[in-house]
Amino acid sequence: MTEDELGQDPKSLQDARLASLDERLRRAQAEETARSGKAGPASYRGESEGARILTVLVSYPVGSALIGYAIDRMAGTHGIWVAMLFVGFGLAMWQVWKSSQRSGPDRPRKD
């Protein structure tokens, strides 16, 4: 009788039950995927793109406004932070536009 490194018979009843359980689990996961309409890890691409766009739309204007505020404080002026806020918003829109041109549903990304 041939034994594996765990000291069990590879053709034992327990191994057959585990293989049967694995197969049933695979079938159940496939049925759930088909029923729910989710495609697994590939479906997360849209979510990650959305999160990246949201991050850009928030961080660019806030970062630019903070830089403008620092310039205001050092130069002793007022209002540069507002101009920098609009510059940051413009840069964010440009970045989102570039991202939308780079990746579409029918085009591969060109990173």
PDB file of N, CA and C in Angstrom:
ATOM      1  N   MET A   1       0.835  -1.163   0.000  1.00  0.00           N
ATOM      2  CA  MET A   1       0.000   0.000   0.000  1.00  0.00           C
ATOM      3  C   MET A   1       0.894   1.245   0.000  1.00  0.00           C
ATOM      4  N   THR A   2       0.602   2.212  -0.876  1.00  0.00           N
ATOM      5  CA  THR A   2       1.382   3.424  -0.996  1.00  0.00           C
ATOM      6  C   THR A   2       0.842   4.474  -0.032  1.00  0.00           C
ATOM      7  N   GLU A   3       1.744   5.151   0.682  1.00  0.00           N
ATOM      8  CA  GLU A   3       1.334   6.180   1.628  1.00  0.00           C
ATOM      9  C   GLU A   3       2.041   7.482   1.274  1.00  0.00           C
ATOM     10  N   ASP A   4       1.353   8.605   1.506  1.00  0.00           N
ATOM     11  CA  ASP A   4       1.992   9.895   1.280  1.00  0.00           C
ATOM     12  C   ASP A   4       2.747  10.317   2.539  1.00  0.00           C
ATOM     13  N   GLU A   5       3.269  11.539   2.568  1.00  0.00           N
ATOM     14  CA  GLU A   5       4.113  11.958   3.671  1.00  0.00           C
ATOM     15  C   GLU A   5       3.349  12.147   4.981  1.00  0.00           C
ATOM     16  N   LEU A   6       2.025  12.217   4.948  1.00  0.00           N
ATOM     17  CA  LEU A   6       1.258  12.337   6.174  1.00  0.00           C
ATOM     18  C   LEU A   6       0.908  10.983   6.771  1.00  0.00           C
ATOM     19  N   GLY A   7       1.258   9.934   6.117  1.00  0.00           N
ATOM     20  CA  GLY A   7       0.976   8.614   6.627  1.00  0.00           C
ATOM     21  C   GLY A   7      -0.442   8.149   6.322  1.00  0.00           C
ATOM     22  N   GLN A   8      -1.081   8.764   5.316  1.00  0.00           N
ATOM     23  CA  GLN A   8      -2.431   8.368   4.958  1.00  0.00           C
ATOM     24  C   GLN A   8      -2.432   7.739   3.580  1.00  0.00           C
ATOM     25  N   ASP A   9      -3.360   6.857   3.378  1.00  0.00           N
ATOM     26  CA  ASP A   9      -3.535   6.220   2.080  1.00  0.00           C
ATOM     27  C   ASP A   9      -4.159   7.246   1.131  1.00  0.00           C
ATOM     28  N   PRO A  10      -3.515   7.536  -0.020  1.00  0.00           N
ATOM     29  CA  PRO A  10      -4.055   8.560  -0.918  1.00  0.00           C
ATOM     30  C   PRO A  10      -5.415   8.190  -1.498  1.00  0.00           C
ATOM     31  N   LYS A  11      -5.791   6.943  -1.477  1.00  0.00           N
ATOM     32  CA  LYS A  11      -7.076   6.511  -2.017  1.00  0.00           C
ATOM     33  C   LYS A  11      -8.090   6.244  -0.906  1.00  0.00           C
ATOM     34  N   SER A  12      -7.843   6.763   0.294  1.00  0.00           N
ATOM     35  CA  SER A  12      -8.721   6.463   1.421  1.00  0.00           C
ATOM     36  C   SER A  12     -10.070   7.144   1.261  1.00  0.00           C
ATOM     37  N   LEU A  13     -11.011   6.710   2.086  1.00  0.00           N
ATOM     38  CA  LEU A  13     -12.369   7.247   2.059  1.00  0.00           C
ATOM     39  C   LEU A  13     -12.384   8.729   2.420  1.00  0.00           C
ATOM     40  N   GLN A  14     -11.543   9.137   3.375  1.00  0.00           N
ATOM     41  CA  GLN A  14     -11.493  10.535   3.787  1.00  0.00           C
ATOM     42  C   GLN A  14     -11.016  11.420   2.639  1.00  0.00           C
ATOM     43  N   ASP A  15      -9.997  10.989   1.891  1.00  0.00           N
ATOM     44  CA  ASP A  15      -9.514  11.770   0.756  1.00  0.00           C
ATOM     45  C   ASP A  15     -10.586  11.902  -0.318  1.00  0.00           C
ATOM     46  N   ALA A  16     -11.339  10.849  -0.536  1.00  0.00           N
ATOM     47  CA  ALA A  16     -12.420  10.907  -1.526  1.00  0.00           C
ATOM     48  C   ALA A  16     -13.498  11.877  -1.078  1.00  0.00           C
ATOM     49  N   ARG A  17     -13.795  11.912   0.215  1.00  0.00           N
ATOM     50  CA  ARG A  17     -14.801  12.849   0.721  1.00  0.00           C
ATOM     51  C   ARG A  17     -14.320  14.289   0.596  1.00  0.00           C
ATOM     52  N   LEU A  18     -13.026  14.525   0.874  1.00  0.00           N
ATOM     53  CA  LEU A  18     -12.481  15.876   0.729  1.00  0.00           C
ATOM     54  C   LEU A  18     -12.506  16.335  -0.725  1.00  0.00           C
ATOM     55  N   ALA A  19     -12.176  15.424  -1.637  1.00  0.00           N
ATOM     56  CA  ALA A  19     -12.221  15.776  -3.061  1.00  0.00           C
ATOM     57  C   ALA A  19     -13.645  16.085  -3.475  1.00  0.00           C
ATOM     58  N   SER A  20     -14.613  15.305  -2.975  1.00  0.00           N
ATOM     59  CA  SER A  20     -16.017  15.554  -3.280  1.00  0.00           C
ATOM     60  C   SER A  20     -16.460  16.896  -2.715  1.00  0.00           C
ATOM     61  N   LEU A  21     -16.022  17.202  -1.511  1.00  0.00           N
ATOM     62  CA  LEU A  21     -16.362  18.478  -0.893  1.00  0.00           C
ATOM     63  C   LEU A  21     -15.767  19.646  -1.672  1.00  0.00           C
ATOM     64  N   ASP A  22     -14.521  19.530  -2.106  1.00  0.00           N
ATOM     65  CA  ASP A  22     -13.890  20.572  -2.924  1.00  0.00           C
ATOM     66  C   ASP A  22     -14.664  20.806  -4.216  1.00  0.00           C
ATOM     67  N   GLU A  23     -15.081  19.732  -4.853  1.00  0.00           N
ATOM     68  CA  GLU A  23     -15.825  19.855  -6.111  1.00  0.00           C
ATOM     69  C   GLU A  23     -17.176  20.524  -5.875  1.00  0.00           C
ATOM     70  N   ARG A  24     -17.860  20.145  -4.795  1.00  0.00           N
ATOM     71  CA  ARG A  24     -19.148  20.772  -4.486  1.00  0.00           C
ATOM     72  C   ARG A  24     -18.968  22.246  -4.177  1.00  0.00           C
ATOM     73  N   LEU A  25     -17.889  22.603  -3.478  1.00  0.00           N
ATOM     74  CA  LEU A  25     -17.610  23.998  -3.175  1.00  0.00           C
ATOM     75  C   LEU A  25     -17.354  24.796  -4.445  1.00  0.00           C
ATOM     76  N   ARG A  26     -16.581  24.251  -5.375  1.00  0.00           N
ATOM     77  CA  ARG A  26     -16.326  24.930  -6.656  1.00  0.00           C
ATOM     78  C   ARG A  26     -17.623  25.163  -7.423  1.00  0.00           C
ATOM     79  N   ARG A  27     -18.479  24.136  -7.455  1.00  0.00           N
ATOM     80  CA  ARG A  27     -19.759  24.271  -8.162  1.00  0.00           C
ATOM     81  C   ARG A  27     -20.640  25.330  -7.508  1.00  0.00           C
ATOM     82  N   ALA A  28     -20.693  25.341  -6.177  1.00  0.00           N
ATOM     83  CA  ALA A  28     -21.509  26.324  -5.460  1.00  0.00           C
ATOM     84  C   ALA A  28     -21.001  27.741  -5.708  1.00  0.00           C
ATOM     85  N   GLN A  29     -19.675  27.914  -5.721  1.00  0.00           N
ATOM     86  CA  GLN A  29     -19.117  29.242  -5.992  1.00  0.00           C
ATOM     87  C   GLN A  29     -19.414  29.676  -7.414  1.00  0.00           C
ATOM     88  N   ALA A  30     -19.346  28.763  -8.367  1.00  0.00           N
ATOM     89  CA  ALA A  30     -19.657  29.096  -9.755  1.00  0.00           C
ATOM     90  C   ALA A  30     -21.128  29.464  -9.905  1.00  0.00           C
ATOM     91  N   GLU A  31     -22.005  28.714  -9.235  1.00  0.00           N
ATOM     92  CA  GLU A  31     -23.435  29.038  -9.287  1.00  0.00           C
ATOM     93  C   GLU A  31     -23.718  30.387  -8.653  1.00  0.00           C
ATOM     94  N   GLU A  32     -23.074  30.692  -7.547  1.00  0.00           N
ATOM     95  CA  GLU A  32     -23.273  31.980  -6.877  1.00  0.00           C
ATOM     96  C   GLU A  32     -22.771  33.124  -7.740  1.00  0.00           C
ATOM     97  N   THR A  33     -21.645  32.927  -8.404  1.00  0.00           N
ATOM     98  CA  THR A  33     -21.117  33.945  -9.300  1.00  0.00           C
ATOM     99  C   THR A  33     -22.082  34.189 -10.451  1.00  0.00           C
ATOM    100  N   ALA A  34     -22.614  33.117 -11.016  1.00  0.00           N
ATOM    101  CA  ALA A  34     -23.560  33.259 -12.121  1.00  0.00           C
ATOM    102  C   ALA A  34     -24.860  33.905 -11.644  1.00  0.00           C
ATOM    103  N   ARG A  35     -25.301  33.568 -10.449  1.00  0.00           N
ATOM    104  CA  ARG A  35     -26.554  34.103  -9.930  1.00  0.00           C
ATOM    105  C   ARG A  35     -26.424  35.577  -9.577  1.00  0.00           C
ATOM    106  N   SER A  36     -25.333  35.961  -8.951  1.00  0.00           N
ATOM    107  CA  SER A  36     -25.172  37.345  -8.514  1.00  0.00           C
ATOM    108  C   SER A  36     -24.678  38.260  -9.630  1.00  0.00           C
ATOM    109  N   GLY A  37     -24.109  37.708 -10.675  1.00  0.00           N
ATOM    110  CA  GLY A  37     -23.638  38.526 -11.786  1.00  0.00           C
ATOM    111  C   GLY A  37     -22.281  39.144 -11.552  1.00  0.00           C
ATOM    112  N   LYS A  38     -21.615  38.782 -10.479  1.00  0.00           N
ATOM    113  CA  LYS A  38     -20.284  39.319 -10.213  1.00  0.00           C
ATOM    114  C   LYS A  38     -19.252  38.412 -10.840  1.00  0.00           C
ATOM    115  N   ALA A  39     -18.227  39.039 -11.382  1.00  0.00           N
ATOM    116  CA  ALA A  39     -17.218  38.267 -12.089  1.00  0.00           C
ATOM    117  C   ALA A  39     -15.967  38.012 -11.266  1.00  0.00           C
ATOM    118  N   GLY A  40     -16.004  38.259  -9.983  1.00  0.00           N
ATOM    119  CA  GLY A  40     -14.847  37.995  -9.141  1.00  0.00           C
ATOM    120  C   GLY A  40     -13.874  39.158  -9.127  1.00  0.00           C
ATOM    121  N   PRO A  41     -12.577  38.893  -9.056  1.00  0.00           N
ATOM    122  CA  PRO A  41     -11.580  39.959  -8.929  1.00  0.00           C
ATOM    123  C   PRO A  41     -11.596  40.965 -10.077  1.00  0.00           C
ATOM    124  N   ALA A  42     -12.010  40.560 -11.257  1.00  0.00           N
ATOM    125  CA  ALA A  42     -12.029  41.501 -12.376  1.00  0.00           C
ATOM    126  C   ALA A  42     -13.074  42.587 -12.180  1.00  0.00           C
ATOM    127  N   SER A  43     -14.111  42.322 -11.383  1.00  0.00           N
ATOM    128  CA  SER A  43     -15.152  43.324 -11.179  1.00  0.00           C
ATOM    129  C   SER A  43     -14.677  44.463 -10.282  1.00  0.00           C
ATOM    130  N   TYR A  44     -13.567  44.300  -9.587  1.00  0.00           N
ATOM    131  CA  TYR A  44     -13.059  45.338  -8.707  1.00  0.00           C
ATOM    132  C   TYR A  44     -12.353  46.454  -9.474  1.00  0.00           C
ATOM    133  N   ARG A  45     -12.131  46.294 -10.756  1.00  0.00           N
ATOM    134  CA  ARG A  45     -11.421  47.315 -11.519  1.00  0.00           C
ATOM    135  C   ARG A  45     -12.191  48.627 -11.545  1.00  0.00           C
ATOM    136  N   GLY A  46     -13.500  48.538 -11.745  1.00  0.00           N
ATOM    137  CA  GLY A  46     -14.316  49.744 -11.750  1.00  0.00           C
ATOM    138  C   GLY A  46     -14.327  50.442 -10.408  1.00  0.00           C
ATOM    139  N   GLU A  47     -14.376  49.654  -9.345  1.00  0.00           N
ATOM    140  CA  GLU A  47     -14.347  50.239  -8.011  1.00  0.00           C
ATOM    141  C   GLU A  47     -13.020  50.929  -7.739  1.00  0.00           C
ATOM    142  N   SER A  48     -11.928  50.335  -8.163  1.00  0.00           N
ATOM    143  CA  SER A  48     -10.627  50.955  -7.913  1.00  0.00           C
ATOM    144  C   SER A  48     -10.460  52.219  -8.742  1.00  0.00           C
ATOM    145  N   GLU A  49     -10.978  52.213  -9.977  1.00  0.00           N
ATOM    146  CA  GLU A  49     -10.918  53.425 -10.798  1.00  0.00           C
ATOM    147  C   GLU A  49     -11.736  54.538 -10.154  1.00  0.00           C
ATOM    148  N   GLY A  50     -12.917  54.196  -9.643  1.00  0.00           N
ATOM    149  CA  GLY A  50     -13.758  55.189  -8.982  1.00  0.00           C
ATOM    150  C   GLY A  50     -13.096  55.760  -7.746  1.00  0.00           C
ATOM    151  N   ALA A  51     -12.468  54.908  -6.962  1.00  0.00           N
ATOM    152  CA  ALA A  51     -11.772  55.376  -5.760  1.00  0.00           C
ATOM    153  C   ALA A  51     -10.597  56.269  -6.127  1.00  0.00           C
ATOM    154  N   ARG A  52      -9.897  55.919  -7.189  1.00  0.00           N
ATOM    155  CA  ARG A  52      -8.761  56.740  -7.619  1.00  0.00           C
ATOM    156  C   ARG A  52      -9.232  58.113  -8.094  1.00  0.00           C
ATOM    157  N   ILE A  53     -10.331  58.145  -8.841  1.00  0.00           N
ATOM    158  CA  ILE A  53     -10.863  59.415  -9.334  1.00  0.00           C
ATOM    159  C   ILE A  53     -11.340  60.274  -8.163  1.00  0.00           C
ATOM    160  N   LEU A  54     -12.025  59.661  -7.192  1.00  0.00           N
ATOM    161  CA  LEU A  54     -12.475  60.403  -6.023  1.00  0.00           C
ATOM    162  C   LEU A  54     -11.287  60.978  -5.259  1.00  0.00           C
ATOM    163  N   THR A  55     -10.239  60.203  -5.127  1.00  0.00           N
ATOM    164  CA  THR A  55      -9.043  60.676  -4.430  1.00  0.00           C
ATOM    165  C   THR A  55      -8.431  61.870  -5.145  1.00  0.00           C
ATOM    166  N   VAL A  56      -8.368  61.816  -6.459  1.00  0.00           N
ATOM    167  CA  VAL A  56      -7.809  62.924  -7.229  1.00  0.00           C
ATOM    168  C   VAL A  56      -8.679  64.160  -7.088  1.00  0.00           C
ATOM    169  N   LEU A  57     -10.009  63.988  -7.173  1.00  0.00           N
ATOM    170  CA  LEU A  57     -10.919  65.136  -7.102  1.00  0.00           C
ATOM    171  C   LEU A  57     -10.894  65.820  -5.739  1.00  0.00           C
ATOM    172  N   VAL A  58     -10.527  65.097  -4.709  1.00  0.00           N
ATOM    173  CA  VAL A  58     -10.462  65.704  -3.374  1.00  0.00           C
ATOM    174  C   VAL A  58      -9.055  66.215  -3.075  1.00  0.00           C
ATOM    175  N   SER A  59      -8.038  65.404  -3.357  1.00  0.00           N
ATOM    176  CA  SER A  59      -6.688  65.751  -2.912  1.00  0.00           C
ATOM    177  C   SER A  59      -6.041  66.881  -3.716  1.00  0.00           C
ATOM    178  N   TYR A  60      -6.272  66.947  -5.020  1.00  0.00           N
ATOM    179  CA  TYR A  60      -5.640  68.011  -5.806  1.00  0.00           C
ATOM    180  C   TYR A  60      -6.092  69.399  -5.358  1.00  0.00           C
ATOM    181  N   PRO A  61      -7.404  69.671  -5.251  1.00  0.00           N
ATOM    182  CA  PRO A  61      -7.801  71.010  -4.796  1.00  0.00           C
ATOM    183  C   PRO A  61      -7.363  71.308  -3.359  1.00  0.00           C
ATOM    184  N   VAL A  62      -7.484  70.320  -2.462  1.00  0.00           N
ATOM    185  CA  VAL A  62      -7.097  70.558  -1.068  1.00  0.00           C
ATOM    186  C   VAL A  62      -5.593  70.805  -0.973  1.00  0.00           C
ATOM    187  N   GLY A  63      -4.810  70.001  -1.660  1.00  0.00           N
ATOM    188  CA  GLY A  63      -3.361  70.200  -1.634  1.00  0.00           C
ATOM    189  C   GLY A  63      -2.948  71.538  -2.231  1.00  0.00           C
ATOM    190  N   SER A  64      -3.569  71.896  -3.332  1.00  0.00           N
ATOM    191  CA  SER A  64      -3.243  73.189  -3.949  1.00  0.00           C
ATOM    192  C   SER A  64      -3.651  74.344  -3.058  1.00  0.00           C
ATOM    193  N   ALA A  65      -4.813  74.237  -2.409  1.00  0.00           N
ATOM    194  CA  ALA A  65      -5.250  75.304  -1.504  1.00  0.00           C
ATOM    195  C   ALA A  65      -4.297  75.429  -0.319  1.00  0.00           C
ATOM    196  N   LEU A  66      -3.799  74.307   0.200  1.00  0.00           N
ATOM    197  CA  LEU A  66      -2.844  74.372   1.303  1.00  0.00           C
ATOM    198  C   LEU A  66      -1.534  75.016   0.874  1.00  0.00           C
ATOM    199  N   ILE A  67      -1.092  74.707  -0.335  1.00  0.00           N
ATOM    200  CA  ILE A  67       0.119  75.363  -0.849  1.00  0.00           C
ATOM    201  C   ILE A  67      -0.127  76.861  -1.013  1.00  0.00           C
ATOM    202  N   GLY A  68      -1.308  77.231  -1.536  1.00  0.00           N
ATOM    203  CA  GLY A  68      -1.652  78.643  -1.665  1.00  0.00           C
ATOM    204  C   GLY A  68      -1.740  79.339  -0.320  1.00  0.00           C
ATOM    205  N   TYR A  69      -2.264  78.651   0.686  1.00  0.00           N
ATOM    206  CA  TYR A  69      -2.344  79.226   2.027  1.00  0.00           C
ATOM    207  C   TYR A  69      -0.944  79.467   2.589  1.00  0.00           C
ATOM    208  N   ALA A  70      -0.038  78.508   2.353  1.00  0.00           N
ATOM    209  CA  ALA A  70       1.344  78.681   2.828  1.00  0.00           C
ATOM    210  C   ALA A  70       2.000  79.871   2.129  1.00  0.00           C
ATOM    211  N   ILE A  71       1.748  80.014   0.838  1.00  0.00           N
ATOM    212  CA  ILE A  71       2.299  81.166   0.111  1.00  0.00           C
ATOM    213  C   ILE A  71       1.708  82.458   0.665  1.00  0.00           C
ATOM    214  N   ASP A  72       0.397  82.467   0.947  1.00  0.00           N
ATOM    215  CA  ASP A  72      -0.243  83.636   1.547  1.00  0.00           C
ATOM    216  C   ASP A  72       0.411  84.019   2.864  1.00  0.00           C
ATOM    217  N   ARG A  73       0.655  83.023   3.705  1.00  0.00           N
ATOM    218  CA  ARG A  73       1.245  83.304   5.021  1.00  0.00           C
ATOM    219  C   ARG A  73       2.668  83.845   4.890  1.00  0.00           C
ATOM    220  N   MET A  74       3.453  83.261   3.966  1.00  0.00           N
ATOM    221  CA  MET A  74       4.840  83.718   3.813  1.00  0.00           C
ATOM    222  C   MET A  74       4.921  85.080   3.137  1.00  0.00           C
ATOM    223  N   ALA A  75       4.044  85.334   2.183  1.00  0.00           N
ATOM    224  CA  ALA A  75       4.095  86.594   1.442  1.00  0.00           C
ATOM    225  C   ALA A  75       3.295  87.693   2.117  1.00  0.00           C
ATOM    226  N   GLY A  76       2.459  87.336   3.092  1.00  0.00           N
ATOM    227  CA  GLY A  76       1.649  88.340   3.772  1.00  0.00           C
ATOM    228  C   GLY A  76       0.496  88.827   2.910  1.00  0.00           C
ATOM    229  N   THR A  77       0.034  88.015   2.015  1.00  0.00           N
ATOM    230  CA  THR A  77      -1.077  88.394   1.138  1.00  0.00           C
ATOM    231  C   THR A  77      -2.328  87.606   1.519  1.00  0.00           C
ATOM    232  N   HIS A  78      -3.410  87.905   0.811  1.00  0.00           N
ATOM    233  CA  HIS A  78      -4.668  87.208   1.045  1.00  0.00           C
ATOM    234  C   HIS A  78      -5.270  86.840  -0.297  1.00  0.00           C
ATOM    235  N   GLY A  79      -5.800  85.634  -0.424  1.00  0.00           N
ATOM    236  CA  GLY A  79      -6.536  85.255  -1.621  1.00  0.00           C
ATOM    237  C   GLY A  79      -5.813  84.342  -2.588  1.00  0.00           C
ATOM    238  N   ILE A  80      -4.523  84.149  -2.393  1.00  0.00           N
ATOM    239  CA  ILE A  80      -3.814  83.243  -3.306  1.00  0.00           C
ATOM    240  C   ILE A  80      -4.328  81.817  -3.135  1.00  0.00           C
ATOM    241  N   TRP A  81      -4.746  81.457  -1.915  1.00  0.00           N
ATOM    242  CA  TRP A  81      -5.240  80.102  -1.680  1.00  0.00           C
ATOM    243  C   TRP A  81      -6.486  79.811  -2.506  1.00  0.00           C
ATOM    244  N   VAL A  82      -7.315  80.849  -2.748  1.00  0.00           N
ATOM    245  CA  VAL A  82      -8.523  80.649  -3.554  1.00  0.00           C
ATOM    246  C   VAL A  82      -8.129  80.369  -5.005  1.00  0.00           C
ATOM    247  N   ALA A  83      -7.180  81.125  -5.513  1.00  0.00           N
ATOM    248  CA  ALA A  83      -6.713  80.900  -6.884  1.00  0.00           C
ATOM    249  C   ALA A  83      -6.090  79.508  -7.014  1.00  0.00           C
ATOM    250  N   MET A  84      -5.317  79.119  -6.013  1.00  0.00           N
ATOM    251  CA  MET A  84      -4.699  77.795  -6.045  1.00  0.00           C
ATOM    252  C   MET A  84      -5.742  76.679  -5.923  1.00  0.00           C
ATOM    253  N   LEU A  85      -6.839  76.941  -5.207  1.00  0.00           N
ATOM    254  CA  LEU A  85      -7.927  75.974  -5.119  1.00  0.00           C
ATOM    255  C   LEU A  85      -8.500  75.702  -6.505  1.00  0.00           C
ATOM    256  N   PHE A  86      -8.716  76.762  -7.282  1.00  0.00           N
ATOM    257  CA  PHE A  86      -9.236  76.591  -8.639  1.00  0.00           C
ATOM    258  C   PHE A  86      -8.213  75.932  -9.559  1.00  0.00           C
ATOM    259  N   VAL A  87      -6.946  76.250  -9.368  1.00  0.00           N
ATOM    260  CA  VAL A  87      -5.897  75.583 -10.144  1.00  0.00           C
ATOM    261  C   VAL A  87      -5.901  74.082  -9.831  1.00  0.00           C
ATOM    262  N   GLY A  88      -6.010  73.739  -8.555  1.00  0.00           N
ATOM    263  CA  GLY A  88      -6.058  72.337  -8.164  1.00  0.00           C
ATOM    264  C   GLY A  88      -7.283  71.625  -8.730  1.00  0.00           C
ATOM    265  N   PHE A  89      -8.414  72.304  -8.739  1.00  0.00           N
ATOM    266  CA  PHE A  89      -9.616  71.699  -9.310  1.00  0.00           C
ATOM    267  C   PHE A  89      -9.446  71.489 -10.811  1.00  0.00           C
ATOM    268  N   GLY A  90      -8.840  72.442 -11.490  1.00  0.00           N
ATOM    269  CA  GLY A  90      -8.573  72.298 -12.922  1.00  0.00           C
ATOM    270  C   GLY A  90      -7.626  71.138 -13.206  1.00  0.00           C
ATOM    271  N   LEU A  91      -6.594  71.013 -12.402  1.00  0.00           N
ATOM    272  CA  LEU A  91      -5.663  69.897 -12.566  1.00  0.00           C
ATOM    273  C   LEU A  91      -6.349  68.554 -12.309  1.00  0.00           C
ATOM    274  N   ALA A  92      -7.247  68.527 -11.324  1.00  0.00           N
ATOM    275  CA  ALA A  92      -7.980  67.295 -11.034  1.00  0.00           C
ATOM    276  C   ALA A  92      -8.868  66.912 -12.215  1.00  0.00           C
ATOM    277  N   MET A  93      -9.551  67.884 -12.798  1.00  0.00           N
ATOM    278  CA  MET A  93     -10.400  67.604 -13.964  1.00  0.00           C
ATOM    279  C   MET A  93      -9.561  67.095 -15.138  1.00  0.00           C
ATOM    280  N   TRP A  94      -8.400  67.681 -15.315  1.00  0.00           N
ATOM    281  CA  TRP A  94      -7.517  67.241 -16.404  1.00  0.00           C
ATOM    282  C   TRP A  94      -7.058  65.803 -16.167  1.00  0.00           C
ATOM    283  N   GLN A  95      -6.714  65.470 -14.922  1.00  0.00           N
ATOM    284  CA  GLN A  95      -6.278  64.117 -14.594  1.00  0.00           C
ATOM    285  C   GLN A  95      -7.407  63.104 -14.815  1.00  0.00           C
ATOM    286  N   VAL A  96      -8.621  63.460 -14.426  1.00  0.00           N
ATOM    287  CA  VAL A  96      -9.770  62.566 -14.631  1.00  0.00           C
ATOM    288  C   VAL A  96     -10.022  62.379 -16.120  1.00  0.00           C
ATOM    289  N   TRP A  97      -9.905  63.434 -16.876  1.00  0.00           N
ATOM    290  CA  TRP A  97     -10.112  63.346 -18.318  1.00  0.00           C
ATOM    291  C   TRP A  97      -9.051  62.434 -18.950  1.00  0.00           C
ATOM    292  N   LYS A  98      -7.784  62.602 -18.541  1.00  0.00           N
ATOM    293  CA  LYS A  98      -6.724  61.730 -19.053  1.00  0.00           C
ATOM    294  C   LYS A  98      -6.993  60.276 -18.695  1.00  0.00           C
ATOM    295  N   SER A  99      -7.460  60.043 -17.484  1.00  0.00           N
ATOM    296  CA  SER A  99      -7.755  58.684 -17.051  1.00  0.00           C
ATOM    297  C   SER A  99      -8.899  58.082 -17.849  1.00  0.00           C
ATOM    298  N   SER A 100      -9.895  58.878 -18.156  1.00  0.00           N
ATOM    299  CA  SER A 100     -11.026  58.351 -18.930  1.00  0.00           C
ATOM    300  C   SER A 100     -10.635  58.072 -20.374  1.00  0.00           C
ATOM    301  N   GLN A 101      -9.690  58.815 -20.914  1.00  0.00           N
ATOM    302  CA  GLN A 101      -9.222  58.564 -22.275  1.00  0.00           C
ATOM    303  C   GLN A 101      -8.326  57.335 -22.340  1.00  0.00           C
ATOM    304  N   ARG A 102      -7.632  57.079 -21.262  1.00  0.00           N
ATOM    305  CA  ARG A 102      -6.687  55.973 -21.204  1.00  0.00           C
ATOM    306  C   ARG A 102      -7.380  54.629 -21.063  1.00  0.00           C
ATOM    307  N   SER A 103      -8.455  54.559 -20.278  1.00  0.00           N
ATOM    308  CA  SER A 103      -9.085  53.269 -20.014  1.00  0.00           C
ATOM    309  C   SER A 103     -10.573  53.358 -20.291  1.00  0.00           C
ATOM    310  N   GLY A 104     -11.012  52.607 -21.244  1.00  0.00           N
ATOM    311  CA  GLY A 104     -12.422  52.482 -21.535  1.00  0.00           C
ATOM    312  C   GLY A 104     -12.810  51.028 -21.466  1.00  0.00           C
ATOM    313  N   PRO A 105     -14.101  50.739 -21.582  1.00  0.00           N
ATOM    314  CA  PRO A 105     -14.508  49.341 -21.491  1.00  0.00           C
ATOM    315  C   PRO A 105     -14.002  48.488 -22.645  1.00  0.00           C
ATOM    316  N   ASP A 106     -13.755  49.094 -23.791  1.00  0.00           N
ATOM    317  CA  ASP A 106     -13.312  48.322 -24.941  1.00  0.00           C
ATOM    318  C   ASP A 106     -11.844  48.561 -25.292  1.00  0.00           C
ATOM    319  N   ARG A 107     -11.140  49.390 -24.486  1.00  0.00           N
ATOM    320  CA  ARG A 107      -9.737  49.682 -24.756  1.00  0.00           C
ATOM    321  C   ARG A 107      -8.869  49.264 -23.576  1.00  0.00           C
ATOM    322  N   PRO A 108      -7.730  48.666 -23.831  1.00  0.00           N
ATOM    323  CA  PRO A 108      -6.823  48.322 -22.730  1.00  0.00           C
ATOM    324  C   PRO A 108      -6.131  49.575 -22.206  1.00  0.00           C
ATOM    325  N   ARG A 109      -5.707  49.516 -20.953  1.00  0.00           N
ATOM    326  CA  ARG A 109      -4.975  50.645 -20.365  1.00  0.00           C
ATOM    327  C   ARG A 109      -3.597  50.758 -20.969  1.00  0.00           C
ATOM    328  N   LYS A 110      -3.087  51.998 -21.055  1.00  0.00           N
ATOM    329  CA  LYS A 110      -1.760  52.243 -21.621  1.00  0.00           C
ATOM    330  C   LYS A 110      -0.846  52.831 -20.564  1.00  0.00           C
ATOM    331  N   ASP A 111      -0.757  52.195 -19.396  1.00  0.00           N
ATOM    332  CA  ASP A 111       0.081  52.736 -18.316  1.00  0.00           C
ATOM    333  C   ASP A 111       1.488  52.600 -18.627  1.00  0.00           C
TER     334      ASP A 111
END
